[in-house]
Amino acid sequence: MARWKECPRCGARGKRAHNFCIACGTRLPSAEPAPPEREPQEGVEQPGGALRALYWFLDLFPGLLRPTVIVASLLAFVAAAIIGAFCFTWAVFGLLMEAIFVGAFAVVAYWAGITWILCGYVCLPAEALAEFDGRKWTILFVLTVLPLALFLALVKSHGAG
């Protein structure tokens, strides 16, 4: 079954259980059960491995197909980078409490950008996280731990800690 409903008025995606669009308030049509999967027919060309991989990737990152989500995510990533630079500077100078406080804002901005790409629309990060399945939680974890490890290695190499 499809996990999402698309609004007929504005095109926003929402949970299948939603009765109204979260973007414009339009009443959503009731969810219909997905048709049973058909077996491959002879003579009908099935998508190749690369095309299937592309569909799988775009299913994981639906926000990559929406220009608004891409722009908003890029702005969130730029904000996170600027805030992270302040955090890095304060950590290098030994102002660790200030760096941790400011770093939390950088993480929230970074998570906002990631969650928008993972869920396909711009919303509060907590709203997107509520819809995540195991695959998306894993992606968020990996995309959080890797930059954090790089940040801590940079701070340590520049003399703080």
Protein backbone atom coordinates (compact mmCIF):
# COMPACT_ATOMS: atom_id res chain seq x y z
CA MET A 1 0.00 0.00 0.00
CA ALA A 2 1.11 3.54 -0.65
CA ARG A 3 2.35 5.35 2.44
CA TRP A 4 1.40 8.78 1.10
CA LYS A 5 -1.58 10.66 -0.25
CA GLU A 6 -1.09 13.53 -2.65
CA CYS A 7 -3.31 16.59 -2.40
CA PRO A 8 -5.35 17.08 -5.61
CA ARG A 9 -5.26 20.86 -5.13
CA CYS A 10 -1.64 21.74 -4.24
CA GLY A 11 0.24 18.45 -4.74
CA ALA A 12 1.61 18.28 -1.18
CA ARG A 13 2.16 14.80 0.22
CA GLY A 14 0.81 13.67 3.55
CA LYS A 15 0.41 10.49 5.51
CA ARG A 16 -2.09 8.02 4.17
CA ALA A 17 -4.06 8.33 7.42
CA HIS A 18 -4.54 12.11 7.00
CA ASN A 19 -7.97 13.27 5.90
CA PHE A 20 -6.91 16.84 5.12
CA CYS A 21 -3.90 18.34 3.33
CA ILE A 22 -1.34 19.71 5.80
CA ALA A 23 -0.38 22.47 3.35
CA CYS A 24 -3.72 23.88 2.15
CA GLY A 25 -6.44 22.13 4.20
CA THR A 26 -8.17 20.47 1.24
CA ARG A 27 -10.07 17.27 2.08
CA LEU A 28 -8.08 14.33 0.75
CA PRO A 29 -9.71 11.42 -1.06
CA SER A 30 -9.91 8.15 0.86
CA ALA A 31 -7.00 5.81 0.37
CA GLU A 32 -7.66 3.01 -2.06
CA PRO A 33 -5.91 -0.30 -1.65
CA ALA A 34 -2.99 -0.74 -4.00
CA PRO A 35 -3.61 -3.10 -6.89
CA PRO A 36 -1.94 -6.48 -6.51
CA GLU A 37 1.49 -6.70 -8.05
CA ARG A 38 1.51 -8.23 -11.49
CA GLU A 39 3.97 -10.82 -12.55
CA PRO A 40 6.30 -9.77 -15.36
CA GLN A 41 4.72 -10.40 -18.73
CA GLU A 42 6.61 -11.83 -21.62
CA GLY A 43 7.39 -9.27 -24.29
CA VAL A 44 6.99 -6.33 -21.87
CA GLU A 45 10.28 -4.72 -20.99
CA GLN A 46 10.87 -4.37 -17.25
CA PRO A 47 12.96 -1.50 -15.87
CA GLY A 48 16.65 -2.36 -15.76
CA GLY A 49 18.83 -2.40 -12.67
CA ALA A 50 19.95 1.21 -13.01
CA LEU A 51 16.40 2.48 -13.41
CA ARG A 52 15.20 0.40 -10.46
CA ALA A 53 18.09 1.79 -8.38
CA LEU A 54 17.11 5.33 -9.39
CA TYR A 55 13.48 4.69 -8.37
CA TRP A 56 14.67 3.24 -5.05
CA PHE A 57 16.94 6.27 -4.43
CA LEU A 58 14.19 8.78 -5.28
CA ASP A 59 11.78 6.89 -3.05
CA LEU A 60 14.23 7.39 -0.16
CA PHE A 61 14.88 11.07 -1.03
CA PRO A 62 11.64 12.42 -2.57
CA GLY A 63 12.62 16.01 -1.74
CA LEU A 64 15.26 15.89 -4.48
CA LEU A 65 12.42 16.12 -7.02
CA ARG A 66 10.92 19.30 -5.55
CA PRO A 67 12.69 22.62 -6.22
CA THR A 68 11.18 24.29 -3.13
CA VAL A 69 12.52 21.53 -0.89
CA ILE A 70 15.96 21.68 -2.51
CA VAL A 71 16.22 25.47 -2.08
CA ALA A 72 14.97 25.37 1.52
CA SER A 73 17.35 22.50 2.34
CA LEU A 74 20.31 24.31 0.80
CA LEU A 75 19.48 27.41 2.85
CA ALA A 76 19.27 25.26 5.99
CA PHE A 77 22.65 23.68 5.18
CA VAL A 78 24.24 27.12 4.63
CA ALA A 79 22.80 28.34 7.95
CA ALA A 80 24.13 25.20 9.66
CA ALA A 81 27.58 25.77 8.12
CA ILE A 82 27.71 29.40 9.27
CA ILE A 83 26.54 28.50 12.78
CA GLY A 84 28.97 25.56 12.77
CA ALA A 85 31.83 27.92 11.91
CA PHE A 86 31.05 30.00 15.01
CA CYS A 87 30.82 26.80 17.04
CA PHE A 88 34.18 25.63 15.69
CA THR A 89 35.85 28.96 16.49
CA TRP A 90 34.54 28.99 20.05
CA ALA A 91 35.54 25.35 20.58
CA VAL A 92 39.10 26.06 19.35
CA PHE A 93 39.39 28.97 21.80
CA GLY A 94 38.22 26.78 24.67
CA LEU A 95 34.72 28.22 25.03
CA LEU A 96 33.20 24.75 25.09
CA MET A 97 29.88 25.52 26.78
CA GLU A 98 29.16 28.29 24.28
CA ALA A 99 30.24 26.03 21.43
CA ILE A 100 27.89 23.26 22.58
CA PHE A 101 24.98 25.69 22.93
CA VAL A 102 25.50 27.20 19.49
CA GLY A 103 26.30 23.80 17.98
CA ALA A 104 22.82 22.59 18.94
CA PHE A 105 21.34 25.24 16.63
CA ALA A 106 23.63 24.10 13.83
CA VAL A 107 22.45 20.52 14.29
CA VAL A 108 18.78 21.56 14.20
CA ALA A 109 19.32 23.54 10.98
CA TYR A 110 21.23 20.62 9.45
CA TRP A 111 18.54 18.12 10.49
CA ALA A 112 15.85 20.35 9.02
CA GLY A 113 17.56 20.24 5.63
CA ILE A 114 18.02 16.48 5.76
CA THR A 115 14.49 15.72 6.97
CA TRP A 116 12.96 17.90 4.24
CA ILE A 117 14.82 15.95 1.58
CA LEU A 118 13.93 12.63 3.21
CA CYS A 119 10.19 13.37 3.61
CA GLY A 120 9.66 15.41 0.43
CA TYR A 121 8.25 18.64 1.82
CA VAL A 122 9.21 21.52 4.12
CA CYS A 123 7.89 21.07 7.65
CA LEU A 124 9.06 21.04 11.24
CA PRO A 125 11.81 18.42 11.69
CA ALA A 126 9.75 16.73 14.45
CA GLU A 127 6.83 16.37 12.04
CA ALA A 128 9.03 14.68 9.46
CA LEU A 129 10.72 12.45 12.05
CA ALA A 130 7.31 11.13 13.09
CA GLU A 131 6.87 9.72 9.58
CA PHE A 132 10.29 8.07 9.27
CA ASP A 133 10.71 4.34 8.89
CA GLY A 134 13.84 2.37 9.78
CA ARG A 135 15.65 3.18 6.53
CA LYS A 136 15.21 6.92 6.93
CA TRP A 137 16.25 6.82 10.60
CA THR A 138 19.41 5.00 9.55
CA ILE A 139 20.15 7.60 6.87
CA LEU A 140 19.60 10.43 9.36
CA PHE A 141 21.88 8.74 11.91
CA VAL A 142 24.70 8.22 9.39
CA LEU A 143 24.36 11.74 7.96
CA THR A 144 24.56 13.12 11.51
CA VAL A 145 27.41 11.02 12.89
CA LEU A 146 29.80 11.47 9.94
CA PRO A 147 29.88 15.31 9.99
CA LEU A 148 29.99 15.29 13.80
CA ALA A 149 33.03 12.98 13.75
CA LEU A 150 34.71 15.24 11.17
CA PHE A 151 33.93 18.33 13.28
CA LEU A 152 35.38 16.77 16.44
CA ALA A 153 38.51 15.66 14.56
CA LEU A 154 39.00 19.21 13.22
CA VAL A 155 38.56 20.75 16.67
CA LYS A 156 41.05 18.30 18.18
CA SER A 157 43.60 18.90 15.41
CA HIS A 158 43.44 22.66 16.03
CA GLY A 159 44.39 22.38 19.68
CA ALA A 160 41.10 22.45 21.64
CA GLY A 161 40.11 19.57 23.88
